[in-house]
PDB file of N, CA and C in Angstrom:
ATOM      1  N   MET A   1      93.714 111.366 102.864  1.00  0.00           N
ATOM      2  CA  MET A   1      94.923 110.471 102.916  1.00  0.00           C
ATOM      3  C   MET A   1      94.518 109.111 102.183  1.00  0.00           C
ATOM      4  N   TYR A   2      95.484 108.678 101.363  1.00  0.00           N
ATOM      5  CA  TYR A   2      95.069 107.512 100.613  1.00  0.00           C
ATOM      6  C   TYR A   2      95.573 106.272 101.306  1.00  0.00           C
ATOM      7  N   ASN A   3      96.751 106.292 101.849  1.00  0.00           N
ATOM      8  CA  ASN A   3      97.440 105.256 102.605  1.00  0.00           C
ATOM      9  C   ASN A   3      97.559 104.000 101.586  1.00  0.00           C
ATOM     10  N   ILE A   4      97.931 104.291 100.404  1.00  0.00           N
ATOM     11  CA  ILE A   4      98.205 103.205  99.446  1.00  0.00           C
ATOM     12  C   ILE A   4      99.663 103.002  99.362  1.00  0.00           C
ATOM     13  N   ASN A   5     100.062 101.751  99.788  1.00  0.00           N
ATOM     14  CA  ASN A   5     101.576 101.519  99.613  1.00  0.00           C
ATOM     15  C   ASN A   5     101.802 100.926  98.245  1.00  0.00           C
ATOM     16  N   LEU A   6     102.695 101.483  97.525  1.00  0.00           N
ATOM     17  CA  LEU A   6     103.040 101.001  96.157  1.00  0.00           C
ATOM     18  C   LEU A   6     104.511 100.321  96.212  1.00  0.00           C
ATOM     19  N   SER A   7     104.525  99.153  95.540  1.00  0.00           N
ATOM     20  CA  SER A   7     105.806  98.564  95.291  1.00  0.00           C
ATOM     21  C   SER A   7     106.510  99.208  94.279  1.00  0.00           C
ATOM     22  N   GLU A   8     107.881  98.937  94.198  1.00  0.00           N
ATOM     23  CA  GLU A   8     108.701  99.613  93.303  1.00  0.00           C
ATOM     24  C   GLU A   8     108.055  99.485  91.785  1.00  0.00           C
ATOM     25  N   GLY A   9     107.705  98.306  91.506  1.00  0.00           N
ATOM     26  CA  GLY A   9     107.088  98.114  90.218  1.00  0.00           C
ATOM     27  C   GLY A   9     105.852  98.742  89.907  1.00  0.00           C
ATOM     28  N   GLU A  10     104.973  98.842  90.936  1.00  0.00           N
ATOM     29  CA  GLU A  10     103.705  99.585  90.911  1.00  0.00           C
ATOM     30  C   GLU A  10     104.025 101.082  90.661  1.00  0.00           C
ATOM     31  N   TRP A  11     105.032 101.573  91.236  1.00  0.00           N
ATOM     32  CA  TRP A  11     105.426 102.974  91.099  1.00  0.00           C
ATOM     33  C   TRP A  11     105.803 103.146  89.560  1.00  0.00           C
ATOM     34  N   LYS A  12     106.453 102.177  88.969  1.00  0.00           N
ATOM     35  CA  LYS A  12     106.771 102.374  87.449  1.00  0.00           C
ATOM     36  C   LYS A  12     105.517 102.545  86.698  1.00  0.00           C
ATOM     37  N   LEU A  13     104.519 101.617  86.911  1.00  0.00           N
ATOM     38  CA  LEU A  13     103.258 101.713  86.111  1.00  0.00           C
ATOM     39  C   LEU A  13     102.595 102.946  86.526  1.00  0.00           C
ATOM     40  N   MET A  14     102.453 103.436  87.715  1.00  0.00           N
ATOM     41  CA  MET A  14     101.773 104.719  88.103  1.00  0.00           C
ATOM     42  C   MET A  14     102.464 105.991  87.454  1.00  0.00           C
ATOM     43  N   LYS A  15     103.768 105.919  87.473  1.00  0.00           N
ATOM     44  CA  LYS A  15     104.459 107.071  86.790  1.00  0.00           C
ATOM     45  C   LYS A  15     104.049 107.174  85.364  1.00  0.00           C
ATOM     46  N   LEU A  16     103.926 106.107  84.647  1.00  0.00           N
ATOM     47  CA  LEU A  16     103.546 106.161  83.225  1.00  0.00           C
ATOM     48  C   LEU A  16     102.180 106.594  83.060  1.00  0.00           C
ATOM     49  N   LEU A  17     101.345 106.137  83.991  1.00  0.00           N
ATOM     50  CA  LEU A  17      99.878 106.617  83.781  1.00  0.00           C
ATOM     51  C   LEU A  17      99.817 108.106  84.156  1.00  0.00           C
ATOM     52  N   TRP A  18     100.521 108.642  85.180  1.00  0.00           N
ATOM     53  CA  TRP A  18     100.476 110.044  85.539  1.00  0.00           C
ATOM     54  C   TRP A  18     101.025 110.804  84.298  1.00  0.00           C
ATOM     55  N   GLN A  19     101.999 110.307  83.598  1.00  0.00           N
ATOM     56  CA  GLN A  19     102.572 111.006  82.447  1.00  0.00           C
ATOM     57  C   GLN A  19     101.510 111.204  81.315  1.00  0.00           C
ATOM     58  N   ALA A  20     100.888 110.086  81.034  1.00  0.00           N
ATOM     59  CA  ALA A  20      99.871 110.060  79.868  1.00  0.00           C
ATOM     60  C   ALA A  20      98.823 108.915  80.308  1.00  0.00           C
ATOM     61  N   GLN A  21      97.515 109.356  80.003  1.00  0.00           N
ATOM     62  CA  GLN A  21      96.411 108.511  80.163  1.00  0.00           C
ATOM     63  C   GLN A  21      95.362 108.645  79.220  1.00  0.00           C
ATOM     64  N   PRO A  22      94.602 107.731  78.902  1.00  0.00           N
ATOM     65  CA  PRO A  22      94.722 106.301  79.367  1.00  0.00           C
ATOM     66  C   PRO A  22      95.937 105.630  78.659  1.00  0.00           C
ATOM     67  N   ARG A  23      96.241 104.384  79.177  1.00  0.00           N
ATOM     68  CA  ARG A  23      97.170 103.563  78.716  1.00  0.00           C
ATOM     69  C   ARG A  23      96.700 102.121  78.549  1.00  0.00           C
ATOM     70  N   THR A  24      97.136 101.456  77.528  1.00  0.00           N
ATOM     71  CA  THR A  24      96.787 100.022  77.309  1.00  0.00           C
ATOM     72  C   THR A  24      97.919  99.143  77.813  1.00  0.00           C
ATOM     73  N   ILE A  25      97.620  97.875  77.982  1.00  0.00           N
ATOM     74  CA  ILE A  25      98.606  96.901  78.451  1.00  0.00           C
ATOM     75  C   ILE A  25      99.809  97.024  77.491  1.00  0.00           C
ATOM     76  N   GLY A  26      99.552  96.960  76.211  1.00  0.00           N
ATOM     77  CA  GLY A  26     100.528  97.047  75.176  1.00  0.00           C
ATOM     78  C   GLY A  26     101.398  98.285  75.189  1.00  0.00           C
ATOM     79  N   GLU A  27     100.915  99.336  75.576  1.00  0.00           N
ATOM     80  CA  GLU A  27     101.670 100.571  75.803  1.00  0.00           C
ATOM     81  C   GLU A  27     102.598 100.453  76.935  1.00  0.00           C
ATOM     82  N   PHE A  28     102.104  99.829  78.089  1.00  0.00           N
ATOM     83  CA  PHE A  28     102.934  99.672  79.327  1.00  0.00           C
ATOM     84  C   PHE A  28     104.078  98.771  78.974  1.00  0.00           C
ATOM     85  N   VAL A  29     103.776  97.622  78.222  1.00  0.00           N
ATOM     86  CA  VAL A  29     104.903  96.687  77.870  1.00  0.00           C
ATOM     87  C   VAL A  29     105.839  97.360  77.006  1.00  0.00           C
ATOM     88  N   ASN A  30     105.471  98.044  76.013  1.00  0.00           N
ATOM     89  CA  ASN A  30     106.342  98.752  75.157  1.00  0.00           C
ATOM     90  C   ASN A  30     107.327  99.771  75.886  1.00  0.00           C
ATOM     91  N   GLU A  31     106.759 100.467  76.880  1.00  0.00           N
ATOM     92  CA  GLU A  31     107.410 101.509  77.529  1.00  0.00           C
ATOM     93  C   GLU A  31     108.451 100.848  78.503  1.00  0.00           C
ATOM     94  N   LEU A  32     108.097  99.784  79.137  1.00  0.00           N
ATOM     95  CA  LEU A  32     108.889  99.145  80.088  1.00  0.00           C
ATOM     96  C   LEU A  32     109.821  97.913  79.688  1.00  0.00           C
ATOM     97  N   GLN A  33     109.603  97.489  78.501  1.00  0.00           N
ATOM     98  CA  GLN A  33     110.255  96.331  77.927  1.00  0.00           C
ATOM     99  C   GLN A  33     111.786  96.343  78.176  1.00  0.00           C
ATOM    100  N   ASN A  34     112.456  97.486  77.698  1.00  0.00           N
ATOM    101  CA  ASN A  34     113.811  97.612  77.727  1.00  0.00           C
ATOM    102  C   ASN A  34     114.379  97.672  79.273  1.00  0.00           C
ATOM    103  N   ASP A  35     113.592  98.430  80.092  1.00  0.00           N
ATOM    104  CA  ASP A  35     114.066  98.686  81.434  1.00  0.00           C
ATOM    105  C   ASP A  35     113.790  97.302  82.353  1.00  0.00           C
ATOM    106  N   THR A  36     112.594  96.750  82.132  1.00  0.00           N
ATOM    107  CA  THR A  36     112.274  95.698  83.085  1.00  0.00           C
ATOM    108  C   THR A  36     112.226  94.265  82.464  1.00  0.00           C
ATOM    109  N   GLY A  37     112.042  94.176  81.222  1.00  0.00           N
ATOM    110  CA  GLY A  37     111.681  92.969  80.538  1.00  0.00           C
ATOM    111  C   GLY A  37     110.374  92.274  80.866  1.00  0.00           C
ATOM    112  N   TRP A  38     109.438  93.099  81.383  1.00  0.00           N
ATOM    113  CA  TRP A  38     108.127  92.663  81.809  1.00  0.00           C
ATOM    114  C   TRP A  38     107.418  92.186  80.607  1.00  0.00           C
ATOM    115  N   THR A  39     106.670  91.071  80.872  1.00  0.00           N
ATOM    116  CA  THR A  39     105.693  90.498  79.695  1.00  0.00           C
ATOM    117  C   THR A  39     104.360  91.178  79.937  1.00  0.00           C
ATOM    118  N   LYS A  40     103.477  90.854  79.037  1.00  0.00           N
ATOM    119  CA  LYS A  40     102.098  91.351  79.089  1.00  0.00           C
ATOM    120  C   LYS A  40     101.474  90.725  80.419  1.00  0.00           C
ATOM    121  N   THR A  41     101.772  89.513  80.667  1.00  0.00           N
ATOM    122  CA  THR A  41     101.126  88.878  81.850  1.00  0.00           C
ATOM    123  C   THR A  41     101.574  89.590  83.223  1.00  0.00           C
ATOM    124  N   THR A  42     102.885  89.922  83.187  1.00  0.00           N
ATOM    125  CA  THR A  42     103.301  90.578  84.451  1.00  0.00           C
ATOM    126  C   THR A  42     102.726  91.855  84.594  1.00  0.00           C
ATOM    127  N   VAL A  43     102.542  92.643  83.523  1.00  0.00           N
ATOM    128  CA  VAL A  43     101.974  93.986  83.634  1.00  0.00           C
ATOM    129  C   VAL A  43     100.506  93.899  83.981  1.00  0.00           C
ATOM    130  N   PHE A  44      99.740  92.876  83.399  1.00  0.00           N
ATOM    131  CA  PHE A  44      98.412  92.598  83.797  1.00  0.00           C
ATOM    132  C   PHE A  44      98.237  92.276  85.151  1.00  0.00           C
ATOM    133  N   VAL A  45      99.021  91.424  85.760  1.00  0.00           N
ATOM    134  CA  VAL A  45      98.914  91.023  87.164  1.00  0.00           C
ATOM    135  C   VAL A  45      99.160  92.379  88.059  1.00  0.00           C
ATOM    136  N   MET A  46     100.197  93.197  87.704  1.00  0.00           N
ATOM    137  CA  MET A  46     100.383  94.325  88.442  1.00  0.00           C
ATOM    138  C   MET A  46      99.297  95.339  88.445  1.00  0.00           C
ATOM    139  N   LEU A  47      98.755  95.478  87.204  1.00  0.00           N
ATOM    140  CA  LEU A  47      97.552  96.482  87.040  1.00  0.00           C
ATOM    141  C   LEU A  47      96.418  95.889  87.939  1.00  0.00           C
ATOM    142  N   LYS A  48      96.170  94.634  87.978  1.00  0.00           N
ATOM    143  CA  LYS A  48      95.019  94.009  88.843  1.00  0.00           C
ATOM    144  C   LYS A  48      95.280  94.414  90.281  1.00  0.00           C
ATOM    145  N   ARG A  49      96.600  94.276  90.699  1.00  0.00           N
ATOM    146  CA  ARG A  49      96.858  94.687  92.122  1.00  0.00           C
ATOM    147  C   ARG A  49      96.675  96.125  92.342  1.00  0.00           C
ATOM    148  N   LEU A  50      96.842  96.971  91.320  1.00  0.00           N
ATOM    149  CA  LEU A  50      96.729  98.358  91.502  1.00  0.00           C
ATOM    150  C   LEU A  50      95.215  98.677  91.449  1.00  0.00           C
ATOM    151  N   ILE A  51      94.406  98.008  90.668  1.00  0.00           N
ATOM    152  CA  ILE A  51      92.932  98.134  90.778  1.00  0.00           C
ATOM    153  C   ILE A  51      92.420  97.752  92.117  1.00  0.00           C
ATOM    154  N   GLY A  52      92.824  96.639  92.643  1.00  0.00           N
ATOM    155  CA  GLY A  52      92.448  96.146  93.966  1.00  0.00           C
ATOM    156  C   GLY A  52      92.806  97.123  95.049  1.00  0.00           C
ATOM    157  N   LYS A  53      93.878  97.916  94.923  1.00  0.00           N
ATOM    158  CA  LYS A  53      94.316  98.896  95.849  1.00  0.00           C
ATOM    159  C   LYS A  53      93.534 100.213  95.749  1.00  0.00           C
ATOM    160  N   GLY A  54      92.800 100.371  94.694  1.00  0.00           N
ATOM    161  CA  GLY A  54      91.969 101.523  94.402  1.00  0.00           C
ATOM    162  C   GLY A  54      92.822 102.731  93.760  1.00  0.00           C
ATOM    163  N   ALA A  55      93.985 102.226  93.260  1.00  0.00           N
ATOM    164  CA  ALA A  55      94.843 103.208  92.546  1.00  0.00           C
ATOM    165  C   ALA A  55      94.598 103.515  91.103  1.00  0.00           C
ATOM    166  N   VAL A  56      94.024 102.426  90.416  1.00  0.00           N
ATOM    167  CA  VAL A  56      93.758 102.412  88.944  1.00  0.00           C
ATOM    168  C   VAL A  56      92.314 101.920  88.688  1.00  0.00           C
ATOM    169  N   ARG A  57      91.722 102.500  87.563  1.00  0.00           N
ATOM    170  CA  ARG A  57      90.507 101.842  87.105  1.00  0.00           C
ATOM    171  C   ARG A  57      90.704 101.475  85.630  1.00  0.00           C
ATOM    172  N   VAL A  58      89.925 100.555  85.289  1.00  0.00           N
ATOM    173  CA  VAL A  58      90.016 100.111  83.915  1.00  0.00           C
ATOM    174  C   VAL A  58      88.775 100.251  83.110  1.00  0.00           C
ATOM    175  N   ASP A  59      88.731 100.737  81.877  1.00  0.00           N
ATOM    176  CA  ASP A  59      87.680 100.857  81.016  1.00  0.00           C
ATOM    177  C   ASP A  59      87.668  99.600  80.150  1.00  0.00           C
ATOM    178  N   GLU A  60      86.704  98.768  80.290  1.00  0.00           N
ATOM    179  CA  GLU A  60      86.675  97.540  79.484  1.00  0.00           C
ATOM    180  C   GLU A  60      85.636  97.701  78.377  1.00  0.00           C
ATOM    181  N   SER A  61      85.147  98.796  78.092  1.00  0.00           N
ATOM    182  CA  SER A  61      84.004  98.939  77.102  1.00  0.00           C
ATOM    183  C   SER A  61      84.454  98.699  75.587  1.00  0.00           C
ATOM    184  N   GLY A  62      85.721  98.989  75.331  1.00  0.00           N
ATOM    185  CA  GLY A  62      86.178  98.854  73.893  1.00  0.00           C
ATOM    186  C   GLY A  62      86.980  97.484  73.762  1.00  0.00           C
ATOM    187  N   ARG A  63      87.451  97.290  72.544  1.00  0.00           N
ATOM    188  CA  ARG A  63      88.184  96.112  72.234  1.00  0.00           C
ATOM    189  C   ARG A  63      89.542  96.062  73.089  1.00  0.00           C
ATOM    190  N   VAL A  64      90.055  97.132  73.255  1.00  0.00           N
ATOM    191  CA  VAL A  64      91.329  97.274  74.081  1.00  0.00           C
ATOM    192  C   VAL A  64      90.919  97.923  75.348  1.00  0.00           C
ATOM    193  N   HIS A  65      91.403  97.289  76.500  1.00  0.00           N
ATOM    194  CA  HIS A  65      91.163  97.860  77.850  1.00  0.00           C
ATOM    195  C   HIS A  65      92.130  99.098  78.015  1.00  0.00           C
ATOM    196  N   LYS A  66      91.396 100.046  78.686  1.00  0.00           N
ATOM    197  CA  LYS A  66      92.238 101.315  78.816  1.00  0.00           C
ATOM    198  C   LYS A  66      92.272 101.513  80.344  1.00  0.00           C
ATOM    199  N   TYR A  67      93.468 101.889  80.827  1.00  0.00           N
ATOM    200  CA  TYR A  67      93.657 102.083  82.368  1.00  0.00           C
ATOM    201  C   TYR A  67      94.045 103.480  82.562  1.00  0.00           C
ATOM    202  N   TYR A  68      93.359 104.008  83.845  1.00  0.00           N
ATOM    203  CA  TYR A  68      93.479 105.331  84.253  1.00  0.00           C
ATOM    204  C   TYR A  68      93.888 105.415  85.776  1.00  0.00           C
ATOM    205  N   PRO A  69      94.571 106.425  86.165  1.00  0.00           N
ATOM    206  CA  PRO A  69      94.897 106.580  87.583  1.00  0.00           C
ATOM    207  C   PRO A  69      93.669 107.069  88.255  1.00  0.00           C
ATOM    208  N   LEU A  70      93.491 106.493  89.521  1.00  0.00           N
ATOM    209  CA  LEU A  70      92.431 107.086  90.368  1.00  0.00           C
ATOM    210  C   LEU A  70      92.959 108.023  91.489  1.00  0.00           C
ATOM    211  N   ILE A  71      94.251 107.892  91.600  1.00  0.00           N
ATOM    212  CA  ILE A  71      94.990 108.792  92.620  1.00  0.00           C
ATOM    213  C   ILE A  71      95.946 109.793  91.953  1.00  0.00           C
ATOM    214  N   LYS A  72      96.209 110.822  92.621  1.00  0.00           N
ATOM    215  CA  LYS A  72      97.061 111.873  92.248  1.00  0.00           C
ATOM    216  C   LYS A  72      98.608 111.557  92.751  1.00  0.00           C
ATOM    217  N   ARG A  73      99.565 111.813  91.827  1.00  0.00           N
ATOM    218  CA  ARG A  73     100.834 111.611  92.334  1.00  0.00           C
ATOM    219  C   ARG A  73     101.233 112.265  93.509  1.00  0.00           C
ATOM    220  N   SER A  74     100.859 113.569  93.670  1.00  0.00           N
ATOM    221  CA  SER A  74     101.130 114.365  94.772  1.00  0.00           C
ATOM    222  C   SER A  74     100.620 113.822  96.055  1.00  0.00           C
ATOM    223  N   ASP A  75      99.391 113.220  96.079  1.00  0.00           N
ATOM    224  CA  ASP A  75      98.860 112.655  97.229  1.00  0.00           C
ATOM    225  C   ASP A  75      99.706 111.401  97.700  1.00  0.00           C
ATOM    226  N   VAL A  76      99.978 110.485  96.744  1.00  0.00           N
ATOM    227  CA  VAL A  76     100.800 109.361  97.093  1.00  0.00           C
ATOM    228  C   VAL A  76     102.203 109.637  97.543  1.00  0.00           C
ATOM    229  N   THR A  77     102.814 110.579  96.863  1.00  0.00           N
ATOM    230  CA  THR A  77     104.143 111.133  97.195  1.00  0.00           C
ATOM    231  C   THR A  77     104.165 111.592  98.632  1.00  0.00           C
ATOM    232  N   LYS A  78     103.202 112.390  99.066  1.00  0.00           N
ATOM    233  CA  LYS A  78     103.172 112.743 100.384  1.00  0.00           C
ATOM    234  C   LYS A  78     103.088 111.699 101.474  1.00  0.00           C
ATOM    235  N   GLU A  79     102.265 110.684 101.173  1.00  0.00           N
ATOM    236  CA  GLU A  79     102.146 109.585 102.093  1.00  0.00           C
ATOM    237  C   GLU A  79     103.456 108.684 102.014  1.00  0.00           C
ATOM    238  N   GLU A  80     104.027 108.501 100.843  1.00  0.00           N
ATOM    239  CA  GLU A  80     105.305 107.830 100.842  1.00  0.00           C
ATOM    240  C   GLU A  80     106.368 108.471 101.644  1.00  0.00           C
ATOM    241  N   THR A  81     106.511 109.763 101.465  1.00  0.00           N
ATOM    242  CA  THR A  81     107.495 110.601 102.100  1.00  0.00           C
ATOM    243  C   THR A  81     107.310 110.585 103.568  1.00  0.00           C
ATOM    244  N   ASP A  82     106.114 110.733 104.038  1.00  0.00           N
ATOM    245  CA  ASP A  82     105.803 110.709 105.500  1.00  0.00           C
ATOM    246  C   ASP A  82     106.186 109.205 106.058  1.00  0.00           C
ATOM    247  N   SER A  83     105.849 108.184 105.298  1.00  0.00           N
ATOM    248  CA  SER A  83     106.068 106.935 105.763  1.00  0.00           C
ATOM    249  C   SER A  83     107.643 106.588 105.738  1.00  0.00           C
ATOM    250  N   PHE A  84     108.376 107.080 104.853  1.00  0.00           N
ATOM    251  CA  PHE A  84     109.794 106.887 104.732  1.00  0.00           C
ATOM    252  C   PHE A  84     110.439 107.544 105.877  1.00  0.00           C
ATOM    253  N   LEU A  85     110.116 108.809 106.102  1.00  0.00           N
ATOM    254  CA  LEU A  85     110.760 109.605 107.202  1.00  0.00           C
ATOM    255  C   LEU A  85     110.416 109.078 108.507  1.00  0.00           C
ATOM    256  N   SER A  86     109.262 108.464 108.631  1.00  0.00           N
ATOM    257  CA  SER A  86     108.819 107.915 110.022  1.00  0.00           C
ATOM    258  C   SER A  86     109.671 106.566 110.190  1.00  0.00           C
ATOM    259  N   ARG A  87     109.770 105.783 109.204  1.00  0.00           N
ATOM    260  CA  ARG A  87     110.444 104.477 109.274  1.00  0.00           C
ATOM    261  C   ARG A  87     111.938 104.617 109.525  1.00  0.00           C
ATOM    262  N   VAL A  88     112.575 105.523 108.638  1.00  0.00           N
ATOM    263  CA  VAL A  88     114.028 105.524 108.586  1.00  0.00           C
ATOM    264  C   VAL A  88     114.649 106.630 109.494  1.00  0.00           C
ATOM    265  N   TYR A  89     113.925 107.798 109.709  1.00  0.00           N
ATOM    266  CA  TYR A  89     114.505 108.755 110.451  1.00  0.00           C
ATOM    267  C   TYR A  89     113.722 109.269 111.594  1.00  0.00           C
ATOM    268  N   ASP A  90     112.801 108.378 112.120  1.00  0.00           N
ATOM    269  CA  ASP A  90     111.964 108.781 113.197  1.00  0.00           C
ATOM    270  C   ASP A  90     111.105 109.994 112.962  1.00  0.00           C
ATOM    271  N   GLY A  91     110.727 110.287 111.715  1.00  0.00           N
ATOM    272  CA  GLY A  91     110.022 111.432 111.289  1.00  0.00           C
ATOM    273  C   GLY A  91     110.813 112.802 111.195  1.00  0.00           C
ATOM    274  N   SER A  92     112.018 112.703 111.287  1.00  0.00           N
ATOM    275  CA  SER A  92     112.909 113.856 111.305  1.00  0.00           C
ATOM    276  C   SER A  92     113.504 114.160 109.989  1.00  0.00           C
ATOM    277  N   LEU A  93     113.119 115.208 109.364  1.00  0.00           N
ATOM    278  CA  LEU A  93     113.602 115.658 108.032  1.00  0.00           C
ATOM    279  C   LEU A  93     115.043 116.150 108.229  1.00  0.00           C
ATOM    280  N   GLY A  94     115.298 116.776 109.452  1.00  0.00           N
ATOM    281  CA  GLY A  94     116.645 117.211 109.676  1.00  0.00           C
ATOM    282  C   GLY A  94     117.678 116.055 109.905  1.00  0.00           C
ATOM    283  N   MET A  95     117.331 115.019 110.461  1.00  0.00           N
ATOM    284  CA  MET A  95     118.156 113.885 110.427  1.00  0.00           C
ATOM    285  C   MET A  95     118.408 113.391 109.093  1.00  0.00           C
ATOM    286  N   MET A  96     117.472 113.343 108.181  1.00  0.00           N
ATOM    287  CA  MET A  96     117.650 112.896 106.845  1.00  0.00           C
ATOM    288  C   MET A  96     118.713 113.741 106.103  1.00  0.00           C
ATOM    289  N   VAL A  97     118.483 115.059 106.193  1.00  0.00           N
ATOM    290  CA  VAL A  97     119.363 115.946 105.523  1.00  0.00           C
ATOM    291  C   VAL A  97     120.720 115.924 106.048  1.00  0.00           C
ATOM    292  N   SER A  98     120.780 115.748 107.431  1.00  0.00           N
ATOM    293  CA  SER A  98     122.144 115.605 108.094  1.00  0.00           C
ATOM    294  C   SER A  98     122.819 114.356 107.609  1.00  0.00           C
ATOM    295  N   SER A  99     122.134 113.318 107.405  1.00  0.00           N
ATOM    296  CA  SER A  99     122.657 112.072 106.861  1.00  0.00           C
ATOM    297  C   SER A  99     123.288 112.243 105.461  1.00  0.00           C
ATOM    298  N   LEU A 100     122.422 112.883 104.574  1.00  0.00           N
ATOM    299  CA  LEU A 100     122.957 113.169 103.296  1.00  0.00           C
ATOM    300  C   LEU A 100     124.208 114.017 103.237  1.00  0.00           C
ATOM    301  N   VAL A 101     124.171 115.148 104.094  1.00  0.00           N
ATOM    302  CA  VAL A 101     125.224 116.018 104.132  1.00  0.00           C
ATOM    303  C   VAL A 101     126.578 115.292 104.629  1.00  0.00           C
ATOM    304  N   GLY A 102     126.383 114.441 105.626  1.00  0.00           N
ATOM    305  CA  GLY A 102     127.397 113.766 106.220  1.00  0.00           C
ATOM    306  C   GLY A 102     128.049 112.739 105.352  1.00  0.00           C
ATOM    307  N   ARG A 103     127.272 112.237 104.325  1.00  0.00           N
ATOM    308  CA  ARG A 103     127.836 111.247 103.407  1.00  0.00           C
ATOM    309  C   ARG A 103     128.334 111.937 102.083  1.00  0.00           C
ATOM    310  N   HIS A 104     128.206 113.324 102.126  1.00  0.00           N
ATOM    311  CA  HIS A 104     128.621 114.093 100.924  1.00  0.00           C
ATOM    312  C   HIS A 104     127.707 113.568  99.620  1.00  0.00           C
ATOM    313  N   ALA A 105     126.433 113.401 100.005  1.00  0.00           N
ATOM    314  CA  ALA A 105     125.415 112.756  98.936  1.00  0.00           C
ATOM    315  C   ALA A 105     124.832 114.024  98.069  1.00  0.00           C
ATOM    316  N   LEU A 106     125.001 115.219  98.610  1.00  0.00           N
ATOM    317  CA  LEU A 106     124.296 116.297  97.917  1.00  0.00           C
ATOM    318  C   LEU A 106     125.283 117.077  97.140  1.00  0.00           C
ATOM    319  N   SER A 107     124.937 117.316  95.828  1.00  0.00           N
ATOM    320  CA  SER A 107     125.757 118.113  94.975  1.00  0.00           C
ATOM    321  C   SER A 107     125.560 119.589  95.335  1.00  0.00           C
ATOM    322  N   GLU A 108     126.390 120.499  94.770  1.00  0.00           N
ATOM    323  CA  GLU A 108     126.283 121.929  95.081  1.00  0.00           C
ATOM    324  C   GLU A 108     124.991 122.483  94.594  1.00  0.00           C
ATOM    325  N   LYS A 109     124.563 121.917  93.408  1.00  0.00           N
ATOM    326  CA  LYS A 109     123.357 122.297  92.822  1.00  0.00           C
ATOM    327  C   LYS A 109     122.215 121.961  93.830  1.00  0.00           C
ATOM    328  N   GLU A 110     122.239 120.727  94.476  1.00  0.00           N
ATOM    329  CA  GLU A 110     121.094 120.342  95.354  1.00  0.00           C
ATOM    330  C   GLU A 110     121.178 121.150  96.619  1.00  0.00           C
ATOM    331  N   ILE A 111     122.361 121.561  97.083  1.00  0.00           N
ATOM    332  CA  ILE A 111     122.436 122.330  98.277  1.00  0.00           C
ATOM    333  C   ILE A 111     121.842 123.748  97.988  1.00  0.00           C
ATOM    334  N   GLU A 112     122.115 124.256  96.839  1.00  0.00           N
ATOM    335  CA  GLU A 112     121.521 125.513  96.482  1.00  0.00           C
ATOM    336  C   GLU A 112     119.963 125.476  96.278  1.00  0.00           C
ATOM    337  N   GLU A 113     119.518 124.381  95.744  1.00  0.00           N
ATOM    338  CA  GLU A 113     118.076 124.152  95.754  1.00  0.00           C
ATOM    339  C   GLU A 113     117.404 124.069  97.098  1.00  0.00           C
ATOM    340  N   LEU A 114     118.078 123.334  98.038  1.00  0.00           N
ATOM    341  CA  LEU A 114     117.570 123.340  99.345  1.00  0.00           C
ATOM    342  C   LEU A 114     117.580 124.601  99.991  1.00  0.00           C
ATOM    343  N   LYS A 115     118.556 125.432  99.803  1.00  0.00           N
ATOM    344  CA  LYS A 115     118.591 126.816 100.380  1.00  0.00           C
ATOM    345  C   LYS A 115     117.385 127.664  99.918  1.00  0.00           C
ATOM    346  N   MET A 116     117.172 127.518  98.613  1.00  0.00           N
ATOM    347  CA  MET A 116     116.167 128.223  98.072  1.00  0.00           C
ATOM    348  C   MET A 116     114.668 127.823  98.691  1.00  0.00           C
ATOM    349  N   ILE A 117     114.483 126.454  98.636  1.00  0.00           N
ATOM    350  CA  ILE A 117     113.385 125.949  99.281  1.00  0.00           C
ATOM    351  C   ILE A 117     113.133 126.537 100.676  1.00  0.00           C
ATOM    352  N   LEU A 118     114.158 126.477 101.506  1.00  0.00           N
ATOM    353  CA  LEU A 118     114.154 126.906 102.836  1.00  0.00           C
ATOM    354  C   LEU A 118     113.845 128.437 103.011  1.00  0.00           C
ATOM    355  N   GLU A 119     114.489 129.113 102.095  1.00  0.00           N
ATOM    356  CA  GLU A 119     114.162 130.620 102.062  1.00  0.00           C
ATOM    357  C   GLU A 119     112.817 130.909 101.701  1.00  0.00           C
ATOM    358  N   ASN A 120     112.166 130.192 100.739  1.00  0.00           N
ATOM    359  CA  ASN A 120     110.853 130.359 100.306  1.00  0.00           C
ATOM    360  C   ASN A 120     109.959 130.023 101.504  1.00  0.00           C
ATOM    361  N   ALA A 121     110.191 128.970 102.117  1.00  0.00           N
ATOM    362  CA  ALA A 121     109.356 128.486 103.326  1.00  0.00           C
ATOM    363  C   ALA A 121     109.423 129.513 104.486  1.00  0.00           C
ATOM    364  N   GLU A 122     110.541 130.040 104.615  1.00  0.00           N
ATOM    365  CA  GLU A 122     110.786 131.098 105.711  1.00  0.00           C
ATOM    366  C   GLU A 122     109.904 132.308 105.444  1.00  0.00           C
ATOM    367  N   ARG A 123     109.831 132.787 104.148  1.00  0.00           N
ATOM    368  CA  ARG A 123     109.165 133.926 103.691  1.00  0.00           C
ATOM    369  C   ARG A 123     107.714 133.686 103.889  1.00  0.00           C
ATOM    370  N   LYS A 124     107.282 132.467 103.570  1.00  0.00           N
ATOM    371  CA  LYS A 124     105.767 132.188 103.695  1.00  0.00           C
ATOM    372  C   LYS A 124     105.323 132.070 105.182  1.00  0.00           C
ATOM    373  N   GLY A 125     106.320 131.938 106.032  1.00  0.00           N
ATOM    374  CA  GLY A 125     105.909 131.927 107.401  1.00  0.00           C
ATOM    375  C   GLY A 125     105.806 130.512 108.034  1.00  0.00           C
TER     376      GLY A 125
END
C-alpha cells in the first residue's frame, strides 16, 4: 500500500508520466499549457511535492532534468478508490452504484459494461 494522496493537479502530472517517461519540465508545460495555463515554476513546484511524497524521482545527471514515476497507476488508483468509497459511501460500492442509477448518471453502455464486469466476477468466484 502506498497511501499517497494526490491532489487534482498532481494527478495531471502523474497521468502524463504514466503515459510516457521520462518527461522534462518543458514537456509537462507544453502538454498542460492549454488545459491549465501552468508555468514552468508551477510545474516545478508540483514535481518537487511529488518527489517529496515518493511518487516521482528526478535524474539530474544531464543538462535537462528527467522525471520518472516511482509508483504504478494501478496501485494509486486502488488507494484512491478505497479512500473515496470510505469517505463518501461508508465503503459501500452498492451505495455508490445505487446513487448513480438513482440520478440517471449511467448511460446504457455503462450499464452494459457493469453487467459484464459483474458476470465476469461471478464466474471467477
